[in-house]
């Protein structure tokens, strides 16, 4: 055997290329936390795109705003109608003042959803939420685990942040005038009818709570859509966290 063959046998084999190291738990947690943030931001944007249209608040049964204290209104109308001679016409006139309510409540909620300040405040509150186990939320069953968590953790903070914005909007909105005029007529009629108390009602708070509830409701739907098709999601973190188990996640 020649010296060339001997040298070839003595050469060390080339080092094996090492594959990528598995993700640490900290890295997995970071991916899930980013996915949660991205998913909620996307769901919020989608929700606000939907709720900034007045017809959404009119046609969508899940977020449509009901006229408040309707039972009390119906009770008064029934009693007024029984007043001899003039009751029927008085009840009809009072009822007509309620006709614009549906569209006015829808428009008020739409105005809140369409405000850039609403988007900013919602985002600030959501971004400030700390999540102990984002992986569990991303991998949870159901359709809205993430929004459910955010809603439970942040709804009161969202209300507090939006309260001055809602007050500003409602101070100039037609609903305030319509509602105020109705309440004045209702209470005047209630004074003349037994067993009907005047209405004392916080209109701004009711509209704000309905608007926030509607925005969260649509966010839940959007999360459900995203969970069905995570591969079409807006970020790599979302596609990984919602689309595959943590042991399949990769560094980006």
Protein backbone atom coordinates (compact mmCIF):
# COMPACT_ATOMS: atom_id res chain seq x y z
CA UNK A 1 0.00 0.00 0.00
CA UNK A 2 1.51 3.37 -1.00
CA UNK A 3 2.12 6.34 1.22
CA UNK A 4 -0.82 8.18 -0.36
CA UNK A 5 -3.26 5.50 0.76
CA UNK A 6 -1.82 5.58 4.30
CA UNK A 7 -2.28 9.35 4.57
CA UNK A 8 -5.87 9.03 3.32
CA UNK A 9 -6.67 6.49 6.07
CA UNK A 10 -5.17 8.75 8.74
CA UNK A 11 -7.28 11.82 7.82
CA UNK A 12 -9.97 12.63 10.41
CA UNK A 13 -13.56 12.56 9.16
CA UNK A 14 -15.11 15.97 8.56
CA UNK A 15 -17.07 17.30 11.56
CA UNK A 16 -20.78 16.68 11.44
CA UNK A 17 -22.94 19.74 10.97
CA UNK A 18 -25.10 20.32 14.00
CA UNK A 19 -28.76 21.07 13.44
CA UNK A 20 -30.49 24.03 15.04
CA UNK A 21 -30.72 23.83 18.79
CA UNK A 22 -34.20 23.37 20.24
CA UNK A 23 -35.89 26.52 21.44
CA UNK A 24 -35.55 27.31 25.09
CA UNK A 25 -38.68 27.76 27.16
CA UNK A 26 -37.97 31.47 27.32
CA UNK A 27 -37.86 31.65 23.52
CA UNK A 28 -41.14 29.77 23.25
CA UNK A 29 -42.74 32.11 25.76
CA UNK A 30 -41.50 35.11 23.77
CA UNK A 31 -42.97 33.74 20.53
CA UNK A 32 -46.33 33.12 22.19
CA UNK A 33 -46.38 36.56 23.81
CA UNK A 34 -45.63 38.21 20.47
CA UNK A 35 -48.27 36.07 18.76
CA UNK A 36 -50.85 37.07 21.34
CA UNK A 37 -50.05 40.75 20.87
CA UNK A 38 -50.11 40.48 17.06
CA UNK A 39 -53.34 38.48 17.08
CA UNK A 40 -55.15 40.93 19.36
CA UNK A 41 -53.94 43.91 17.36
CA UNK A 42 -55.21 42.30 14.15
CA UNK A 43 -58.53 41.31 15.73
CA UNK A 44 -59.01 44.85 17.04
CA UNK A 45 -58.33 46.36 13.62
CA UNK A 46 -60.76 43.95 11.97
CA UNK A 47 -63.39 44.66 14.60
CA UNK A 48 -63.09 48.43 14.24
CA UNK A 49 -63.33 48.15 10.45
CA UNK A 50 -66.64 46.33 10.91
CA UNK A 51 -68.06 48.43 13.74
CA UNK A 52 -67.27 51.78 12.16
CA UNK A 53 -70.20 51.16 9.80
CA UNK A 54 -73.60 52.13 11.19
CA UNK A 55 -75.34 49.28 9.39
CA UNK A 56 -73.28 46.81 11.39
CA UNK A 57 -74.92 48.05 14.58
CA UNK A 58 -78.37 47.90 12.96
CA UNK A 59 -78.19 44.56 11.15
CA UNK A 60 -75.95 42.43 13.39
CA UNK A 61 -78.13 40.88 16.09
CA UNK A 62 -75.17 40.16 18.37
CA UNK A 63 -74.09 43.78 18.72
CA UNK A 64 -77.32 45.63 17.99
CA UNK A 65 -78.07 48.06 20.82
CA UNK A 66 -81.40 47.58 22.52
CA UNK A 67 -83.40 50.60 23.57
CA UNK A 68 -82.84 50.82 27.34
CA UNK A 69 -85.67 50.70 29.91
CA UNK A 70 -87.99 49.40 27.19
CA UNK A 71 -90.27 47.67 29.69
CA UNK A 72 -90.78 50.89 31.60
CA UNK A 73 -91.53 52.74 28.36
CA UNK A 74 -94.07 50.13 27.30
CA UNK A 75 -95.70 50.22 30.73
CA UNK A 76 -96.14 53.98 30.59
CA UNK A 77 -97.51 53.90 27.05
CA UNK A 78 -100.03 51.29 28.06
CA UNK A 79 -101.22 53.33 31.04
CA UNK A 80 -101.32 56.62 29.11
CA UNK A 81 -103.38 54.98 26.36
CA UNK A 82 -106.09 54.17 28.92
CA UNK A 83 -106.62 57.81 29.87
CA UNK A 84 -110.15 58.77 28.71
CA UNK A 85 -110.54 60.81 25.52
CA UNK A 86 -106.93 61.93 25.05
CA UNK A 87 -104.96 58.88 26.14
CA UNK A 88 -104.64 57.28 22.74
CA UNK A 89 -103.29 60.37 21.03
CA UNK A 90 -100.92 61.14 23.91
CA UNK A 91 -99.52 57.61 23.87
CA UNK A 92 -99.07 57.74 20.11
CA UNK A 93 -97.27 61.07 20.28
CA UNK A 94 -94.96 59.79 23.01
CA UNK A 95 -94.25 56.59 21.09
CA UNK A 96 -93.24 58.57 18.00
CA UNK A 97 -90.42 60.18 19.97
CA UNK A 98 -88.88 56.70 20.33
CA UNK A 99 -88.86 55.95 16.59
CA UNK A 100 -85.38 57.44 15.92
CA UNK A 101 -83.80 55.54 18.82
CA UNK A 102 -82.57 52.48 16.92
CA UNK A 103 -80.64 54.40 14.30
CA UNK A 104 -79.42 57.02 16.81
CA UNK A 105 -78.00 54.40 19.18
CA UNK A 106 -76.36 52.62 16.25
CA UNK A 107 -74.83 55.86 15.00
CA UNK A 108 -73.50 56.73 18.45
CA UNK A 109 -71.79 53.35 18.80
CA UNK A 110 -70.41 53.64 15.27
CA UNK A 111 -69.02 57.09 16.05
CA UNK A 112 -67.20 55.73 19.09
CA UNK A 113 -65.78 52.79 17.12
CA UNK A 114 -64.70 55.04 14.26
CA UNK A 115 -62.77 57.43 16.50
CA UNK A 116 -58.99 57.20 16.17
CA UNK A 117 -58.80 57.87 19.90
CA UNK A 118 -60.76 54.68 20.55
CA UNK A 119 -58.21 52.64 18.59
CA UNK A 120 -55.35 54.27 20.45
CA UNK A 121 -56.80 53.74 23.92
CA UNK A 122 -57.85 50.15 23.20
CA UNK A 123 -54.33 49.37 21.96
CA UNK A 124 -52.62 51.01 24.90
CA UNK A 125 -54.64 48.99 27.39
CA UNK A 126 -54.18 45.70 25.52
CA UNK A 127 -50.43 46.26 25.11
CA UNK A 128 -50.14 46.83 28.84
CA UNK A 129 -51.59 43.46 29.78
CA UNK A 130 -49.17 40.91 31.22
CA UNK A 131 -49.82 37.25 30.47
CA UNK A 132 -48.35 34.54 32.67
CA UNK A 133 -48.76 31.76 30.12
CA UNK A 134 -49.33 33.01 26.59
CA UNK A 135 -48.61 29.54 25.21
CA UNK A 136 -51.69 28.11 26.94
CA UNK A 137 -53.89 30.89 25.52
CA UNK A 138 -52.55 30.48 21.99
CA UNK A 139 -52.92 26.71 22.07
CA UNK A 140 -56.25 26.68 23.92
CA UNK A 141 -59.30 25.08 22.39
CA UNK A 142 -62.40 27.02 21.53
CA UNK A 143 -62.52 30.09 19.37
CA UNK A 144 -61.79 33.11 21.55
CA UNK A 145 -59.53 32.21 24.47
CA UNK A 146 -57.22 35.17 23.87
CA UNK A 147 -59.95 37.79 23.55
CA UNK A 148 -61.76 36.25 26.52
CA UNK A 149 -58.62 36.71 28.60
CA UNK A 150 -58.03 40.26 27.37
CA UNK A 151 -61.66 41.21 27.99
CA UNK A 152 -61.61 39.85 31.54
CA UNK A 153 -58.28 41.51 32.30
CA UNK A 154 -58.78 44.86 30.60
CA UNK A 155 -62.44 45.73 30.10
CA UNK A 156 -62.61 48.01 33.14
CA UNK A 157 -59.40 49.75 32.05
CA UNK A 158 -60.79 50.22 28.54
CA UNK A 159 -63.94 51.80 29.99
CA UNK A 160 -61.90 54.16 32.13
CA UNK A 161 -59.73 55.13 29.14
CA UNK A 162 -62.69 55.68 26.81
CA UNK A 163 -64.97 57.51 29.24
CA UNK A 164 -63.71 61.04 28.38
CA UNK A 165 -63.76 60.20 24.67
CA UNK A 166 -67.36 58.99 24.89
CA UNK A 167 -68.38 62.07 26.86
CA UNK A 168 -66.87 64.28 24.16
CA UNK A 169 -68.65 62.39 21.38
CA UNK A 170 -71.99 62.26 23.17
CA UNK A 171 -71.93 65.96 24.01
CA UNK A 172 -72.34 66.67 20.30
CA UNK A 173 -74.29 63.61 19.17
CA UNK A 174 -77.93 63.77 18.14
CA UNK A 175 -78.78 60.82 20.39
CA UNK A 176 -78.23 62.99 23.45
CA UNK A 177 -80.82 65.51 22.29
CA UNK A 178 -83.30 62.85 21.17
CA UNK A 179 -83.00 60.92 24.41
CA UNK A 180 -83.15 64.05 26.53
CA UNK A 181 -86.33 65.22 24.82
CA UNK A 182 -87.94 61.82 25.27
CA UNK A 183 -87.02 61.59 28.95
CA UNK A 184 -88.52 65.02 29.56
CA UNK A 185 -91.82 63.97 27.98
CA UNK A 186 -91.75 60.55 29.62
CA UNK A 187 -91.23 61.94 33.11
CA UNK A 188 -93.91 64.56 32.58
CA UNK A 189 -96.37 61.82 31.62
CA UNK A 190 -95.18 59.56 34.46
CA UNK A 191 -96.08 62.28 36.96
CA UNK A 192 -99.69 62.01 35.83
CA UNK A 193 -99.90 58.22 35.84
CA UNK A 194 -99.82 56.10 38.96
CA UNK A 195 -97.31 53.26 39.46
CA UNK A 196 -94.79 54.59 36.92
CA UNK A 197 -91.55 56.08 38.21
CA UNK A 198 -89.54 58.69 36.30
CA UNK A 199 -86.55 57.43 34.35
CA UNK A 200 -83.12 58.08 35.78
CA UNK A 201 -80.57 56.72 33.35
CA UNK A 202 -76.88 57.23 32.52
CA UNK A 203 -77.00 57.40 28.74
CA UNK A 204 -73.27 57.89 28.19
CA UNK A 205 -72.32 54.88 30.28
CA UNK A 206 -74.88 52.68 28.53
CA UNK A 207 -73.70 53.65 25.04
CA UNK A 208 -70.04 53.23 26.04
CA UNK A 209 -70.61 49.76 27.50
CA UNK A 210 -72.59 48.68 24.43
CA UNK A 211 -69.90 50.00 22.07
CA UNK A 212 -67.07 48.30 23.96
CA UNK A 213 -69.05 45.08 24.23
CA UNK A 214 -69.72 45.12 20.50
CA UNK A 215 -66.07 45.69 19.66
CA UNK A 216 -65.01 42.77 21.88
CA UNK A 217 -67.73 40.55 20.38
CA UNK A 218 -66.43 41.09 16.85
CA UNK A 219 -62.84 40.58 18.06
CA UNK A 220 -63.90 37.16 19.36
CA UNK A 221 -65.27 36.25 15.96
CA UNK A 222 -62.08 37.35 14.27
CA UNK A 223 -59.96 35.27 16.62
CA UNK A 224 -62.12 32.29 15.72
CA UNK A 225 -61.52 32.93 12.02
CA UNK A 226 -57.78 33.21 12.63
CA UNK A 227 -57.69 29.95 14.58
CA UNK A 228 -59.36 28.16 11.67
CA UNK A 229 -56.72 29.41 9.22
CA UNK A 230 -53.55 30.34 11.17
CA UNK A 231 -51.42 29.89 8.06
CA UNK A 232 -52.99 33.05 6.65
CA UNK A 233 -52.26 35.09 9.77
CA UNK A 234 -50.50 38.42 9.65
CA UNK A 235 -47.26 37.50 11.41
CA UNK A 236 -44.86 34.57 11.64
CA UNK A 237 -45.34 34.44 15.42
CA UNK A 238 -49.09 34.02 15.00
CA UNK A 239 -48.69 31.36 12.32
CA UNK A 240 -46.41 29.35 14.60
CA UNK A 241 -48.16 29.83 17.92
CA UNK A 242 -51.66 29.17 16.63
CA UNK A 243 -50.75 26.72 13.89
CA UNK A 244 -48.45 24.14 15.48
CA UNK A 245 -47.43 22.77 18.90
CA UNK A 246 -44.49 24.47 20.68
CA UNK A 247 -42.03 21.63 19.95
CA UNK A 248 -42.34 22.49 16.24
CA UNK A 249 -41.68 26.20 16.60
CA UNK A 250 -38.54 27.65 15.02
CA UNK A 251 -36.43 30.74 15.44
CA UNK A 252 -37.35 33.48 13.04
